[in-house]
Amino acid sequence: MGKGIQVWTEPVIERRFAEGYGSGEGSNYIPWIGTHDVASKGRTHRPWSPIYGRTFQLLSDVEWQTFLLLEHSRKFAELYEGYPLERKITLEIAAALGIRHPHYPGTNVPTVMTVDFLAVDRRGTDARIAAFDSKRSEEMDGDSAEGSIAKLQITRAYFAGMNVPHHLVLHSQLNQRILENIEWIRSGIAKKGEIEPYDGYFNEKVDQMLYELMNGSHTCSLGEYCRAFDERHGMQLGDASRVARMLLWDRRLKCDLRNSKASSLPVNSFLVERDYASRRAVGQ
């Protein structure tokens, strides 16, 4: 049997809703469509997010890139991928706009439309919601453009009716250097079930590096500094780079991610979170 659901029917849709697909809050959310449910045209990704406490199911590279930016922004307390839209409303919108509602291939069953990401910002007194769809640029200017544009028209009208902003993310408009740097930083975060050389190893090295950066003057690149740090502290080659990425991930170390590889930037161009370092020093 091929990958994904072979034939979408009304009973299949009813069963999925009953099983909790497209529902749940926070870390308990289950996307309407997962990486094993469809034959994706591109690569799929299943990243674990320590920010959101669960594994995301992303159906393309551009969804992965959008996820990286949304997660890295730290603006959203909740992030839901593959979020289903209420079909009754999307059908009404399509009829009002004179657009044929999407149907599952080879059927007369109207598609349960989804938005790639629904993000919830809980800063302040009221929760603010934003919707994001991720597309490759050629999807908007090719043989399939008509269908893609029709879906976006329905989606935008749907969220406009809810007073929720809807954003279209095109891969050609993304800053690839920022994405490369975020991926590099993200690769240093602690893994589930990871075994350290000894208990508290990375926390200890994080404090040591933070102290050095706060109290020393370094003109070399971050990569060169990390290699020297490995040698000074008798660490396995590459561990200091991992420590630096942990600091960057936690925003205790900050730099401009836009134009250069973070590892090639001079150490004296980084900002050190001194308040955090002071709190660690007094055990807070």
Protein backbone atom coordinates (compact mmCIF):
# COMPACT_ATOMS: atom_id res chain seq x y z
CA MET A 1 0.00 0.00 0.00
CA GLY A 2 1.31 3.46 -0.88
CA LYS A 3 2.05 6.16 1.60
CA GLY A 4 -0.86 8.06 3.07
CA ILE A 5 -4.61 7.73 3.07
CA GLN A 6 -5.62 6.07 -0.17
CA VAL A 7 -9.21 7.33 -0.46
CA TRP A 8 -10.70 10.18 1.53
CA THR A 9 -14.36 9.63 2.39
CA GLU A 10 -16.77 11.27 4.79
CA PRO A 11 -16.45 8.31 7.23
CA VAL A 12 -12.63 8.69 7.15
CA ILE A 13 -12.96 12.41 7.92
CA GLU A 14 -15.44 11.77 10.75
CA ARG A 15 -13.17 9.09 12.23
CA ARG A 16 -10.12 11.37 12.17
CA PHE A 17 -11.95 14.16 13.97
CA ALA A 18 -13.22 11.64 16.52
CA GLU A 19 -9.65 10.41 17.05
CA GLY A 20 -8.47 13.92 17.87
CA TYR A 21 -6.73 14.93 14.65
CA GLY A 22 -6.69 18.69 14.25
CA SER A 23 -7.37 19.29 17.92
CA GLY A 24 -5.68 19.49 21.30
CA GLU A 25 -3.90 22.34 23.05
CA GLY A 26 -0.21 23.00 23.55
CA SER A 27 1.92 19.87 23.57
CA ASN A 28 -1.19 17.68 23.17
CA TYR A 29 -2.08 19.02 19.73
CA ILE A 30 -2.30 16.55 16.81
CA PRO A 31 -2.15 18.06 13.30
CA TRP A 32 -4.96 17.24 10.90
CA ILE A 33 -2.46 15.89 8.38
CA GLY A 34 0.84 14.29 9.41
CA THR A 35 3.95 13.29 7.54
CA HIS A 36 2.68 9.70 7.15
CA ASP A 37 -0.75 10.70 5.87
CA VAL A 38 0.10 12.19 2.51
CA ALA A 39 2.62 11.72 -0.26
CA SER A 40 4.45 15.02 0.08
CA LYS A 41 5.99 16.56 -3.01
CA GLY A 42 9.08 17.53 -1.04
CA ARG A 43 11.03 16.42 2.00
CA THR A 44 9.19 16.04 5.26
CA HIS A 45 10.53 17.05 8.67
CA ARG A 46 9.71 15.88 12.19
CA PRO A 47 11.61 18.22 14.54
CA TRP A 48 11.27 18.02 18.30
CA SER A 49 10.71 21.50 19.76
CA PRO A 50 11.76 22.15 23.37
CA ILE A 51 9.84 25.43 23.12
CA TYR A 52 6.52 23.71 22.41
CA GLY A 53 7.22 20.35 24.04
CA ARG A 54 6.32 18.14 21.10
CA THR A 55 7.37 16.84 17.70
CA PHE A 56 6.11 18.86 14.73
CA GLN A 57 5.06 17.24 11.46
CA LEU A 58 6.10 19.41 8.53
CA LEU A 59 5.34 18.46 4.95
CA SER A 60 7.94 20.47 3.02
CA ASP A 61 11.22 22.36 3.25
CA VAL A 62 9.46 25.72 3.16
CA GLU A 63 7.23 24.66 6.07
CA TRP A 64 10.41 23.67 7.94
CA GLN A 65 11.95 27.08 7.19
CA THR A 66 8.81 28.91 8.33
CA PHE A 67 8.77 26.82 11.49
CA LEU A 68 12.40 27.76 12.20
CA LEU A 69 11.58 31.47 11.98
CA LEU A 70 8.42 31.23 14.07
CA GLU A 71 10.05 29.13 16.78
CA HIS A 72 13.17 31.32 16.85
CA SER A 73 11.12 34.50 17.20
CA ARG A 74 9.83 33.36 20.63
CA LYS A 75 6.77 35.52 19.98
CA PHE A 76 4.25 32.71 20.08
CA ALA A 77 3.35 30.71 23.17
CA GLU A 78 1.52 28.15 21.03
CA LEU A 79 2.14 27.00 17.47
CA TYR A 80 -0.08 24.56 15.58
CA GLU A 81 0.83 23.10 12.20
CA GLY A 82 -1.68 21.65 9.73
CA TYR A 83 -4.57 23.37 11.51
CA PRO A 84 -7.97 22.47 10.01
CA LEU A 85 -10.45 25.09 8.90
CA GLU A 86 -14.17 24.55 9.51
CA ARG A 87 -15.37 23.00 6.27
CA LYS A 88 -18.88 24.43 6.47
CA ILE A 89 -17.40 27.94 6.46
CA THR A 90 -14.85 27.31 3.69
CA LEU A 91 -17.62 25.88 1.50
CA GLU A 92 -19.74 28.99 2.12
CA ILE A 93 -16.79 31.27 1.29
CA ALA A 94 -16.01 29.40 -1.92
CA ALA A 95 -19.63 29.72 -3.03
CA ALA A 96 -19.70 33.42 -2.19
CA LEU A 97 -16.46 34.03 -4.12
CA GLY A 98 -17.52 31.89 -7.06
CA ILE A 99 -14.53 29.58 -6.54
CA ARG A 100 -14.67 25.80 -6.74
CA HIS A 101 -13.87 24.43 -3.32
CA PRO A 102 -10.94 21.96 -3.31
CA HIS A 103 -11.90 18.27 -3.38
CA TYR A 104 -9.85 15.21 -2.52
CA PRO A 105 -8.31 13.72 -5.70
CA GLY A 106 -10.59 11.31 -7.51
CA THR A 107 -13.57 12.05 -5.26
CA ASN A 108 -16.46 14.44 -4.83
CA VAL A 109 -15.54 14.90 -1.16
CA PRO A 110 -14.74 18.53 -0.29
CA THR A 111 -11.30 18.86 1.27
CA VAL A 112 -10.87 19.75 4.91
CA MET A 113 -8.69 22.76 4.23
CA THR A 114 -5.80 23.55 6.56
CA VAL A 115 -3.51 26.47 7.27
CA ASP A 116 0.16 25.59 7.59
CA PHE A 117 0.58 27.34 10.96
CA LEU A 118 -1.73 28.90 13.49
CA ALA A 119 0.29 30.89 16.03
CA VAL A 120 -0.93 32.24 19.36
CA ASP A 121 0.74 35.21 21.06
CA ARG A 122 -0.25 35.37 24.72
CA ARG A 123 1.81 38.41 25.66
CA GLY A 124 -0.40 41.09 27.15
CA THR A 125 -3.94 40.74 28.41
CA ASP A 126 -5.51 39.27 25.26
CA ALA A 127 -4.33 36.37 23.13
CA ARG A 128 -3.50 37.38 19.56
CA ILE A 129 -3.66 34.86 16.73
CA ALA A 130 -1.86 34.88 13.38
CA ALA A 131 -2.04 32.42 10.49
CA PHE A 132 0.79 31.50 8.11
CA ASP A 133 0.85 29.60 4.84
CA SER A 134 4.18 28.53 3.32
CA LYS A 135 4.63 28.15 -0.43
CA ARG A 136 7.40 27.78 -2.95
CA SER A 137 7.30 30.76 -5.30
CA GLU A 138 6.70 28.57 -8.35
CA GLU A 139 3.46 27.32 -6.79
CA MET A 140 2.11 30.83 -7.29
CA ASP A 141 3.33 31.14 -10.87
CA GLY A 142 3.00 27.78 -12.61
CA ASP A 143 0.57 25.15 -13.83
CA SER A 144 -0.88 24.71 -10.35
CA ALA A 145 -1.05 28.44 -9.61
CA GLU A 146 -4.80 28.69 -10.20
CA GLY A 147 -5.60 26.06 -7.60
CA SER A 148 -3.09 27.48 -5.10
CA ILE A 149 -4.43 31.00 -5.51
CA ALA A 150 -8.01 29.81 -5.10
CA LYS A 151 -7.13 28.05 -1.84
CA LEU A 152 -5.38 31.16 -0.56
CA GLN A 153 -8.39 33.32 -1.43
CA ILE A 154 -10.64 31.05 0.60
CA THR A 155 -8.15 30.91 3.47
CA ARG A 156 -7.66 34.66 3.60
CA ALA A 157 -11.40 35.30 3.57
CA TYR A 158 -11.82 32.70 6.33
CA PHE A 159 -9.33 34.42 8.64
CA ALA A 160 -10.47 37.91 7.66
CA GLY A 161 -13.89 36.91 8.96
CA MET A 162 -12.24 36.01 12.27
CA ASN A 163 -10.18 39.24 12.34
CA VAL A 164 -7.01 37.13 12.23
CA PRO A 165 -4.09 38.26 10.04
CA HIS A 166 -3.04 35.74 7.40
CA HIS A 167 0.54 35.79 6.08
CA LEU A 168 1.87 34.13 2.94
CA VAL A 169 5.51 33.02 3.26
CA LEU A 170 7.30 32.49 -0.07
CA HIS A 171 10.60 30.60 -0.02
CA SER A 172 12.22 33.05 -2.47
CA GLN A 173 11.69 35.91 -0.01
CA LEU A 174 13.36 34.18 2.94
CA ASN A 175 16.87 35.15 4.04
CA GLN A 176 18.81 31.92 3.63
CA ARG A 177 21.70 33.10 5.79
CA ILE A 178 19.37 33.68 8.74
CA LEU A 179 17.88 30.23 8.23
CA GLU A 180 21.32 28.59 8.03
CA ASN A 181 22.35 30.30 11.27
CA ILE A 182 19.14 29.32 13.06
CA GLU A 183 19.58 25.70 11.94
CA TRP A 184 23.18 25.75 13.17
CA ILE A 185 22.18 27.20 16.54
CA ARG A 186 19.27 24.79 16.84
CA SER A 187 21.54 21.80 16.23
CA GLY A 188 23.20 22.47 19.59
CA ILE A 189 20.15 22.14 21.82
CA ALA A 190 19.98 19.29 24.30
CA LYS A 191 18.52 16.08 22.88
CA LYS A 192 15.95 13.95 24.65
CA GLY A 193 17.69 11.12 26.50
CA GLU A 194 21.15 12.46 25.71
CA ILE A 195 23.98 11.14 27.88
CA GLU A 196 26.58 13.72 28.96
CA PRO A 197 30.20 12.89 29.90
CA TYR A 198 29.07 13.47 33.49
CA ASP A 199 25.99 14.95 35.17
CA GLY A 200 25.82 18.70 34.67
CA TYR A 201 28.67 18.70 32.12
CA PHE A 202 27.11 21.13 29.65
CA ASN A 203 25.69 23.42 32.35
CA GLU A 204 29.17 23.65 33.83
CA LYS A 205 30.76 24.46 30.47
CA VAL A 206 28.02 26.98 29.70
CA ASP A 207 28.85 28.85 32.92
CA GLN A 208 32.58 28.72 32.17
CA MET A 209 32.15 30.08 28.65
CA LEU A 210 29.71 32.75 29.81
CA TYR A 211 32.21 33.89 32.46
CA GLU A 212 35.07 34.02 29.95
CA LEU A 213 33.07 35.97 27.40
CA MET A 214 31.87 38.43 30.00
CA ASN A 215 35.29 39.07 31.50
CA GLY A 216 37.70 38.66 28.60
CA SER A 217 38.53 40.41 25.35
CA HIS A 218 38.58 38.21 22.25
CA THR A 219 39.17 39.38 18.69
CA CYS A 220 39.16 35.95 17.02
CA SER A 221 36.11 34.38 15.40
CA LEU A 222 33.65 32.38 17.46
CA GLY A 223 34.81 29.20 15.71
CA GLU A 224 38.44 29.87 16.61
CA TYR A 225 37.50 30.76 20.16
CA CYS A 226 35.55 27.49 20.55
CA ARG A 227 38.46 25.38 19.28
CA ALA A 228 40.77 27.09 21.80
CA PHE A 229 38.17 26.62 24.54
CA ASP A 230 38.09 22.88 23.81
CA GLU A 231 41.85 22.70 24.25
CA ARG A 232 42.00 24.86 27.39
CA HIS A 233 39.34 22.82 29.18
CA GLY A 234 40.34 19.37 27.91
CA MET A 235 37.06 18.92 26.08
CA GLN A 236 36.25 16.78 23.09
CA LEU A 237 36.65 18.72 19.86
CA GLY A 238 33.32 20.34 18.98
CA ASP A 239 31.90 20.45 22.50
CA ALA A 240 32.67 24.15 22.90
CA SER A 241 30.86 24.90 19.66
CA ARG A 242 27.89 23.03 21.11
CA VAL A 243 28.11 25.15 24.28
CA ALA A 244 28.19 28.36 22.22
CA ARG A 245 25.09 27.22 20.33
CA MET A 246 23.34 26.52 23.63
CA LEU A 247 24.10 30.06 24.74
CA LEU A 248 22.80 31.46 21.45
CA TRP A 249 19.67 29.31 21.65
CA ASP A 250 18.93 30.55 25.18
CA ARG A 251 19.59 34.18 24.11
CA ARG A 252 22.37 34.49 26.66
CA LEU A 253 24.62 35.22 23.71
CA LYS A 254 23.34 37.32 20.82
CA CYS A 255 24.59 38.27 17.38
CA ASP A 256 23.44 39.51 13.99
CA LEU A 257 22.27 36.45 12.04
CA ARG A 258 21.56 38.24 8.76
CA ASN A 259 24.77 38.44 6.75
CA SER A 260 27.48 36.07 7.95
CA LYS A 261 27.91 32.63 9.45
CA ALA A 262 27.60 33.03 13.19
CA SER A 263 30.70 30.87 13.73
CA SER A 264 32.80 33.23 11.60
CA LEU A 265 31.81 36.42 13.41
CA PRO A 266 34.39 37.98 15.76
CA VAL A 267 33.69 37.16 19.38
CA ASN A 268 33.75 40.85 20.33
CA SER A 269 30.71 41.43 18.08
CA PHE A 270 28.51 39.23 20.27
CA LEU A 271 26.37 40.60 23.09
CA VAL A 272 26.50 38.73 26.40
CA GLU A 273 23.43 38.64 28.61
CA ARG A 274 25.09 40.00 31.73
CA ASP A 275 21.97 40.03 33.87
CA TYR A 276 21.58 36.29 33.32
CA ALA A 277 25.25 35.70 34.13
CA SER A 278 24.87 37.69 37.37
CA ARG A 279 21.82 35.69 38.38
CA ARG A 280 23.68 32.42 37.77
CA ALA A 281 26.63 33.66 39.84
CA VAL A 282 24.43 34.19 42.92
CA GLY A 283 22.48 30.99 42.39
CA GLN A 284 19.17 32.54 41.33
